[in-house]
Amino acid sequence: MSTGLIIALIVIVAVVVAVAAVLTLRGRGPRHGASLKRRFGPEYERAVARHDGDTKAAERELSARVERHGSLQVRPLEPAERERYEARWTAAQERFVDAPREAVAEADRLIAELAGTRGFPAGGQYEEQVAALSVHHAHHVEGYRRVHRVAQAHPDGAHDGAAGTEEMREAMVEARALFEELVRPSRHDGGHRGAAGDRTDAPAARRDGHRTPSLLHRRQAKES
């Protein structure tokens, strides 16, 4: 076989492989995007908006998150740990009435610590922790971002005063959803019953009649 024929065959094979690869990627692209959209929900839209509508760039970012954190094994909480976290969250809710800024800062610290305890990146790696949480709790991670932004805001900035109090209240309420997801036992954790026979797999705020809204709204009533 001549050298020219060998080269021609190599070129033909390379072209066929390249075309097959392109067709495969095109065929998988929409399904892959739909899968990411289902998995990430509001996080998908947030990523697209951050990339100025470039869905491919957003999907690459989200795929990278799944690659880094999709296999993360969440550690179950011991019953005593769960009770301590629930008690601390309830205390932060109650503190909001008289010291909203300190309560929000405590909620921010508490979620970071709880996430670290459950096996997510430590709170000192905030961005990486949020990325991991977005893979496993996509529908509630924005509440953590919001309470973190408010907690980090300078007291003399735009978050001060009555408007700041309302923003802090909303952030606290929204962040509670992620706290509840993190503190609740997973399907594999089993459940735990206290001495009185009531399940402790729901946070204290839920067991005592959703105290967060009433406590946080109470401050508004005092200020009106």
C-alpha atoms as a PDB file:
ATOM      1  CA  MET A   1       0.000   0.000   0.000  1.00  0.00           C
ATOM      2  CA  SER A   2       1.393   3.375  -1.000  1.00  0.00           C
ATOM      3  CA  THR A   3       2.178   6.119   1.487  1.00  0.00           C
ATOM      4  CA  GLY A   4      -0.369   8.408  -0.159  1.00  0.00           C
ATOM      5  CA  LEU A   5      -3.138   5.841   0.280  1.00  0.00           C
ATOM      6  CA  ILE A   6      -2.255   5.311   3.921  1.00  0.00           C
ATOM      7  CA  ILE A   7      -2.376   9.047   4.558  1.00  0.00           C
ATOM      8  CA  ALA A   8      -5.725   9.300   2.789  1.00  0.00           C
ATOM      9  CA  LEU A   9      -7.175   6.491   4.910  1.00  0.00           C
ATOM     10  CA  ILE A  10      -5.904   8.134   8.090  1.00  0.00           C
ATOM     11  CA  VAL A  11      -7.519  11.438   7.091  1.00  0.00           C
ATOM     12  CA  ILE A  12     -10.826   9.726   6.277  1.00  0.00           C
ATOM     13  CA  VAL A  13     -10.868   7.888   9.610  1.00  0.00           C
ATOM     14  CA  ALA A  14     -10.064  11.100  11.495  1.00  0.00           C
ATOM     15  CA  VAL A  15     -12.899  12.944   9.740  1.00  0.00           C
ATOM     16  CA  VAL A  16     -15.359  10.143  10.486  1.00  0.00           C
ATOM     17  CA  VAL A  17     -14.369  10.112  14.169  1.00  0.00           C
ATOM     18  CA  ALA A  18     -14.673  13.904  14.418  1.00  0.00           C
ATOM     19  CA  VAL A  19     -18.109  13.923  12.774  1.00  0.00           C
ATOM     20  CA  ALA A  20     -19.297  11.118  15.064  1.00  0.00           C
ATOM     21  CA  ALA A  21     -18.065  12.999  18.109  1.00  0.00           C
ATOM     22  CA  VAL A  22     -19.865  16.188  17.046  1.00  0.00           C
ATOM     23  CA  LEU A  23     -23.094  14.305  16.367  1.00  0.00           C
ATOM     24  CA  THR A  24     -22.839  12.550  19.723  1.00  0.00           C
ATOM     25  CA  LEU A  25     -22.330  15.812  21.579  1.00  0.00           C
ATOM     26  CA  ARG A  26     -25.210  17.444  19.739  1.00  0.00           C
ATOM     27  CA  GLY A  27     -27.419  14.520  20.548  1.00  0.00           C
ATOM     28  CA  ARG A  28     -26.488  14.539  24.218  1.00  0.00           C
ATOM     29  CA  GLY A  29     -26.457  18.314  24.675  1.00  0.00           C
ATOM     30  CA  PRO A  30     -30.178  19.042  25.077  1.00  0.00           C
ATOM     31  CA  ARG A  31     -30.719  16.015  27.285  1.00  0.00           C
ATOM     32  CA  HIS A  32     -27.744  16.963  29.420  1.00  0.00           C
ATOM     33  CA  GLY A  33     -29.044  20.516  29.742  1.00  0.00           C
ATOM     34  CA  ALA A  34     -32.520  19.298  30.662  1.00  0.00           C
ATOM     35  CA  SER A  35     -31.022  17.001  33.296  1.00  0.00           C
ATOM     36  CA  LEU A  36     -29.068  19.870  34.837  1.00  0.00           C
ATOM     37  CA  LYS A  37     -32.142  22.086  34.770  1.00  0.00           C
ATOM     38  CA  ARG A  38     -34.166  19.456  36.617  1.00  0.00           C
ATOM     39  CA  ARG A  39     -31.416  18.864  39.137  1.00  0.00           C
ATOM     40  CA  PHE A  40     -30.571  22.477  39.904  1.00  0.00           C
ATOM     41  CA  GLY A  41     -33.934  24.184  39.438  1.00  0.00           C
ATOM     42  CA  PRO A  42     -33.535  27.846  40.466  1.00  0.00           C
ATOM     43  CA  GLU A  43     -29.761  27.411  40.594  1.00  0.00           C
ATOM     44  CA  TYR A  44     -29.799  26.672  36.849  1.00  0.00           C
ATOM     45  CA  GLU A  45     -31.578  29.961  36.103  1.00  0.00           C
ATOM     46  CA  ARG A  46     -29.254  31.809  38.453  1.00  0.00           C
ATOM     47  CA  ALA A  47     -26.190  30.385  36.681  1.00  0.00           C
ATOM     48  CA  VAL A  48     -27.592  31.311  33.264  1.00  0.00           C
ATOM     49  CA  ALA A  49     -28.274  34.871  34.445  1.00  0.00           C
ATOM     50  CA  ARG A  50     -24.764  35.164  35.893  1.00  0.00           C
ATOM     51  CA  HIS A  51     -23.366  34.108  32.500  1.00  0.00           C
ATOM     52  CA  ASP A  52     -25.519  36.735  30.716  1.00  0.00           C
ATOM     53  CA  GLY A  53     -27.816  34.148  29.175  1.00  0.00           C
ATOM     54  CA  ASP A  54     -25.069  31.819  27.935  1.00  0.00           C
ATOM     55  CA  THR A  55     -26.641  28.450  28.756  1.00  0.00           C
ATOM     56  CA  LYS A  56     -23.599  26.473  27.614  1.00  0.00           C
ATOM     57  CA  ALA A  57     -21.306  28.361  29.977  1.00  0.00           C
ATOM     58  CA  ALA A  58     -23.810  27.940  32.799  1.00  0.00           C
ATOM     59  CA  GLU A  59     -24.102  24.221  32.122  1.00  0.00           C
ATOM     60  CA  ARG A  60     -20.333  23.829  32.099  1.00  0.00           C
ATOM     61  CA  GLU A  61     -20.179  25.496  35.508  1.00  0.00           C
ATOM     62  CA  LEU A  62     -22.956  23.334  36.937  1.00  0.00           C
ATOM     63  CA  SER A  63     -21.440  20.180  35.462  1.00  0.00           C
ATOM     64  CA  ALA A  64     -18.141  21.070  37.131  1.00  0.00           C
ATOM     65  CA  ARG A  65     -19.947  21.407  40.459  1.00  0.00           C
ATOM     66  CA  VAL A  66     -21.486  17.964  40.040  1.00  0.00           C
ATOM     67  CA  GLU A  67     -18.088  16.560  39.119  1.00  0.00           C
ATOM     68  CA  ARG A  68     -16.513  18.002  42.278  1.00  0.00           C
ATOM     69  CA  HIS A  69     -19.299  17.405  44.777  1.00  0.00           C
ATOM     70  CA  GLY A  70     -21.816  14.955  43.329  1.00  0.00           C
ATOM     71  CA  SER A  71     -20.289  11.956  45.097  1.00  0.00           C
ATOM     72  CA  LEU A  72     -20.074  13.686  48.477  1.00  0.00           C
ATOM     73  CA  GLN A  73     -21.233  11.388  51.272  1.00  0.00           C
ATOM     74  CA  VAL A  74     -23.360  13.274  53.792  1.00  0.00           C
ATOM     75  CA  ARG A  75     -22.661  12.278  57.377  1.00  0.00           C
ATOM     76  CA  PRO A  76     -25.731  11.663  59.542  1.00  0.00           C
ATOM     77  CA  LEU A  77     -26.153  13.689  62.716  1.00  0.00           C
ATOM     78  CA  GLU A  78     -26.260  12.028  66.080  1.00  0.00           C
ATOM     79  CA  PRO A  79     -29.532  12.733  67.928  1.00  0.00           C
ATOM     80  CA  ALA A  80     -27.714  14.862  70.505  1.00  0.00           C
ATOM     81  CA  GLU A  81     -26.039  16.891  67.750  1.00  0.00           C
ATOM     82  CA  ARG A  82     -29.389  17.460  66.060  1.00  0.00           C
ATOM     83  CA  GLU A  83     -30.953  18.658  69.293  1.00  0.00           C
ATOM     84  CA  ARG A  84     -28.084  21.076  69.944  1.00  0.00           C
ATOM     85  CA  TYR A  85     -28.367  22.598  66.469  1.00  0.00           C
ATOM     86  CA  GLU A  86     -32.129  22.914  66.771  1.00  0.00           C
ATOM     87  CA  ALA A  87     -31.803  24.583  70.177  1.00  0.00           C
ATOM     88  CA  ARG A  88     -29.248  27.054  68.803  1.00  0.00           C
ATOM     89  CA  TRP A  89     -31.470  27.912  65.833  1.00  0.00           C
ATOM     90  CA  THR A  90     -34.461  28.489  68.110  1.00  0.00           C
ATOM     91  CA  ALA A  91     -32.304  30.731  70.325  1.00  0.00           C
ATOM     92  CA  ALA A  92     -31.218  32.738  67.267  1.00  0.00           C
ATOM     93  CA  GLN A  93     -34.854  33.151  66.225  1.00  0.00           C
ATOM     94  CA  GLU A  94     -35.777  34.437  69.666  1.00  0.00           C
ATOM     95  CA  ARG A  95     -32.795  36.764  69.741  1.00  0.00           C
ATOM     96  CA  PHE A  96     -33.936  38.381  66.492  1.00  0.00           C
ATOM     97  CA  VAL A  97     -36.679  40.269  68.351  1.00  0.00           C
ATOM     98  CA  ASP A  98     -34.185  42.459  70.216  1.00  0.00           C
ATOM     99  CA  ALA A  99     -30.930  41.956  68.276  1.00  0.00           C
ATOM    100  CA  PRO A 100     -31.683  41.143  64.629  1.00  0.00           C
ATOM    101  CA  ARG A 101     -28.163  41.702  63.326  1.00  0.00           C
ATOM    102  CA  GLU A 102     -26.613  39.376  65.895  1.00  0.00           C
ATOM    103  CA  ALA A 103     -29.314  36.784  65.238  1.00  0.00           C
ATOM    104  CA  VAL A 104     -28.646  36.808  61.496  1.00  0.00           C
ATOM    105  CA  ALA A 105     -24.901  36.502  62.083  1.00  0.00           C
ATOM    106  CA  GLU A 106     -25.537  33.512  64.326  1.00  0.00           C
ATOM    107  CA  ALA A 107     -27.795  31.927  61.674  1.00  0.00           C
ATOM    108  CA  ASP A 108     -25.015  32.369  59.108  1.00  0.00           C
ATOM    109  CA  ARG A 109     -22.449  30.766  61.419  1.00  0.00           C
ATOM    110  CA  LEU A 110     -24.829  28.003  62.379  1.00  0.00           C
ATOM    111  CA  ILE A 111     -25.573  26.921  58.803  1.00  0.00           C
ATOM    112  CA  ALA A 112     -21.858  26.987  57.947  1.00  0.00           C
ATOM    113  CA  GLU A 113     -21.036  24.866  60.979  1.00  0.00           C
ATOM    114  CA  LEU A 114     -23.933  22.457  60.408  1.00  0.00           C
ATOM    115  CA  ALA A 115     -22.990  21.967  56.755  1.00  0.00           C
ATOM    116  CA  GLY A 116     -19.404  21.251  57.765  1.00  0.00           C
ATOM    117  CA  THR A 117     -20.560  18.753  60.366  1.00  0.00           C
ATOM    118  CA  ARG A 118     -22.611  16.925  57.754  1.00  0.00           C
ATOM    119  CA  GLY A 119     -19.586  16.527  55.495  1.00  0.00           C
ATOM    120  CA  PHE A 120     -19.728  19.543  53.196  1.00  0.00           C
ATOM    121  CA  PRO A 121     -16.629  21.746  52.828  1.00  0.00           C
ATOM    122  CA  ALA A 122     -15.904  23.704  55.995  1.00  0.00           C
ATOM    123  CA  GLY A 123     -17.451  27.127  56.522  1.00  0.00           C
ATOM    124  CA  GLY A 124     -14.076  28.801  56.048  1.00  0.00           C
ATOM    125  CA  GLN A 125     -14.341  27.768  52.380  1.00  0.00           C
ATOM    126  CA  TYR A 126     -17.608  29.630  51.872  1.00  0.00           C
ATOM    127  CA  GLU A 127     -17.729  29.602  48.063  1.00  0.00           C
ATOM    128  CA  GLU A 128     -16.836  25.918  47.843  1.00  0.00           C
ATOM    129  CA  GLN A 129     -19.299  25.092  50.604  1.00  0.00           C
ATOM    130  CA  VAL A 130     -22.092  26.883  48.759  1.00  0.00           C
ATOM    131  CA  ALA A 131     -21.151  25.128  45.508  1.00  0.00           C
ATOM    132  CA  ALA A 132     -21.387  21.742  47.223  1.00  0.00           C
ATOM    133  CA  LEU A 133     -24.664  22.651  48.908  1.00  0.00           C
ATOM    134  CA  SER A 134     -26.085  23.756  45.565  1.00  0.00           C
ATOM    135  CA  VAL A 135     -25.502  20.260  44.167  1.00  0.00           C
ATOM    136  CA  HIS A 136     -27.403  18.570  47.001  1.00  0.00           C
ATOM    137  CA  HIS A 137     -29.817  21.301  48.149  1.00  0.00           C
ATOM    138  CA  ALA A 138     -30.278  23.424  45.033  1.00  0.00           C
ATOM    139  CA  HIS A 139     -33.756  24.642  45.923  1.00  0.00           C
ATOM    140  CA  HIS A 140     -32.735  26.127  49.280  1.00  0.00           C
ATOM    141  CA  VAL A 141     -29.091  27.205  49.009  1.00  0.00           C
ATOM    142  CA  GLU A 142     -30.032  30.757  47.975  1.00  0.00           C
ATOM    143  CA  GLY A 143     -31.365  31.347  51.489  1.00  0.00           C
ATOM    144  CA  TYR A 144     -27.880  30.682  52.849  1.00  0.00           C
ATOM    145  CA  ARG A 145     -26.343  33.090  50.344  1.00  0.00           C
ATOM    146  CA  ARG A 146     -28.838  35.734  51.341  1.00  0.00           C
ATOM    147  CA  VAL A 147     -28.329  35.420  55.084  1.00  0.00           C
ATOM    148  CA  HIS A 148     -24.547  35.392  54.534  1.00  0.00           C
ATOM    149  CA  ARG A 149     -24.696  38.624  52.494  1.00  0.00           C
ATOM    150  CA  VAL A 150     -26.784  40.337  55.156  1.00  0.00           C
ATOM    151  CA  ALA A 151     -24.572  39.044  57.961  1.00  0.00           C
ATOM    152  CA  GLN A 152     -21.441  40.313  56.212  1.00  0.00           C
ATOM    153  CA  ALA A 153     -22.902  43.755  55.424  1.00  0.00           C
ATOM    154  CA  HIS A 154     -21.350  46.665  57.308  1.00  0.00           C
ATOM    155  CA  PRO A 155     -23.641  47.915  60.119  1.00  0.00           C
ATOM    156  CA  ASP A 156     -23.320  51.496  58.842  1.00  0.00           C
ATOM    157  CA  GLY A 157     -24.256  50.538  55.296  1.00  0.00           C
ATOM    158  CA  ALA A 158     -27.512  50.117  53.439  1.00  0.00           C
ATOM    159  CA  HIS A 159     -28.679  47.327  55.731  1.00  0.00           C
ATOM    160  CA  ASP A 160     -29.096  49.659  58.716  1.00  0.00           C
ATOM    161  CA  GLY A 161     -32.449  50.974  59.948  1.00  0.00           C
ATOM    162  CA  ALA A 162     -36.010  49.757  59.371  1.00  0.00           C
ATOM    163  CA  ALA A 163     -35.412  48.579  55.792  1.00  0.00           C
ATOM    164  CA  GLY A 164     -32.393  46.636  56.993  1.00  0.00           C
ATOM    165  CA  THR A 165     -34.478  44.961  59.667  1.00  0.00           C
ATOM    166  CA  GLU A 166     -36.984  43.789  57.077  1.00  0.00           C
ATOM    167  CA  GLU A 167     -34.222  42.460  54.844  1.00  0.00           C
ATOM    168  CA  MET A 168     -32.684  40.624  57.774  1.00  0.00           C
ATOM    169  CA  ARG A 169     -36.052  39.135  58.703  1.00  0.00           C
ATOM    170  CA  GLU A 170     -36.619  37.874  55.152  1.00  0.00           C
ATOM    171  CA  ALA A 171     -33.101  36.451  54.970  1.00  0.00           C
ATOM    172  CA  MET A 172     -33.562  34.640  58.274  1.00  0.00           C
ATOM    173  CA  VAL A 173     -36.861  33.121  57.168  1.00  0.00           C
ATOM    174  CA  GLU A 174     -35.464  32.031  53.801  1.00  0.00           C
ATOM    175  CA  ALA A 175     -32.319  30.528  55.348  1.00  0.00           C
ATOM    176  CA  ARG A 176     -34.399  28.409  57.693  1.00  0.00           C
ATOM    177  CA  ALA A 177     -35.426  26.159  54.780  1.00  0.00           C
ATOM    178  CA  LEU A 178     -31.817  25.054  54.219  1.00  0.00           C
ATOM    179  CA  PHE A 179     -31.262  24.651  57.954  1.00  0.00           C
ATOM    180  CA  GLU A 180     -34.258  22.329  58.133  1.00  0.00           C
ATOM    181  CA  GLU A 181     -32.962  20.287  55.193  1.00  0.00           C
ATOM    182  CA  LEU A 182     -29.544  19.926  56.789  1.00  0.00           C
ATOM    183  CA  VAL A 183     -30.750  19.084  60.273  1.00  0.00           C
ATOM    184  CA  ARG A 184     -33.420  16.632  59.126  1.00  0.00           C
ATOM    185  CA  PRO A 185     -32.359  12.961  58.979  1.00  0.00           C
ATOM    186  CA  SER A 186     -31.976  11.525  55.501  1.00  0.00           C
ATOM    187  CA  ARG A 187     -33.776   8.369  54.437  1.00  0.00           C
ATOM    188  CA  HIS A 188     -30.770   6.315  55.525  1.00  0.00           C
ATOM    189  CA  ASP A 189     -30.338   7.956  58.921  1.00  0.00           C
ATOM    190  CA  GLY A 190     -33.400   6.394  60.448  1.00  0.00           C
ATOM    191  CA  GLY A 191     -35.372   8.469  62.886  1.00  0.00           C
ATOM    192  CA  HIS A 192     -35.015   9.274  66.518  1.00  0.00           C
ATOM    193  CA  ARG A 193     -37.708   9.493  69.111  1.00  0.00           C
ATOM    194  CA  GLY A 194     -37.339  11.462  72.256  1.00  0.00           C
ATOM    195  CA  ALA A 195     -38.392  10.291  75.671  1.00  0.00           C
ATOM    196  CA  ALA A 196     -41.898  11.594  75.136  1.00  0.00           C
ATOM    197  CA  GLY A 197     -42.214   9.629  71.902  1.00  0.00           C
ATOM    198  CA  ASP A 198     -42.249  12.635  69.581  1.00  0.00           C
ATOM    199  CA  ARG A 199     -39.951  12.514  66.569  1.00  0.00           C
ATOM    200  CA  THR A 200     -36.935  14.764  66.694  1.00  0.00           C
ATOM    201  CA  ASP A 201     -36.355  14.676  62.959  1.00  0.00           C
ATOM    202  CA  ALA A 202     -38.168  18.019  62.582  1.00  0.00           C
ATOM    203  CA  PRO A 203     -36.450  21.139  63.888  1.00  0.00           C
ATOM    204  CA  ALA A 204     -37.616  22.724  67.106  1.00  0.00           C
ATOM    205  CA  ALA A 205     -39.030  25.637  65.143  1.00  0.00           C
ATOM    206  CA  ARG A 206     -41.366  23.253  63.341  1.00  0.00           C
ATOM    207  CA  ARG A 207     -42.344  21.282  66.450  1.00  0.00           C
ATOM    208  CA  ASP A 208     -43.296  24.393  68.406  1.00  0.00           C
ATOM    209  CA  GLY A 209     -45.646  25.752  65.802  1.00  0.00           C
ATOM    210  CA  HIS A 210     -43.357  27.541  63.338  1.00  0.00           C
ATOM    211  CA  ARG A 211     -42.131  30.104  65.822  1.00  0.00           C
ATOM    212  CA  THR A 212     -39.839  31.857  63.389  1.00  0.00           C
ATOM    213  CA  PRO A 213     -42.461  33.888  61.498  1.00  0.00           C
ATOM    214  CA  SER A 214     -44.288  34.902  64.678  1.00  0.00           C
ATOM    215  CA  LEU A 215     -41.064  35.952  66.380  1.00  0.00           C
ATOM    216  CA  LEU A 216     -39.767  37.830  63.382  1.00  0.00           C
ATOM    217  CA  HIS A 217     -43.076  39.516  62.692  1.00  0.00           C
ATOM    218  CA  ARG A 218     -43.319  40.483  66.352  1.00  0.00           C
ATOM    219  CA  ARG A 219     -40.463  42.943  65.919  1.00  0.00           C
ATOM    220  CA  GLN A 220     -42.335  44.626  63.071  1.00  0.00           C
ATOM    221  CA  ALA A 221     -45.366  45.016  65.332  1.00  0.00           C
ATOM    222  CA  LYS A 222     -43.204  46.596  68.052  1.00  0.00           C
ATOM    223  CA  GLU A 223     -41.757  49.087  65.576  1.00  0.00           C
ATOM    224  CA  SER A 224     -45.081  50.082  63.989  1.00  0.00           C
END
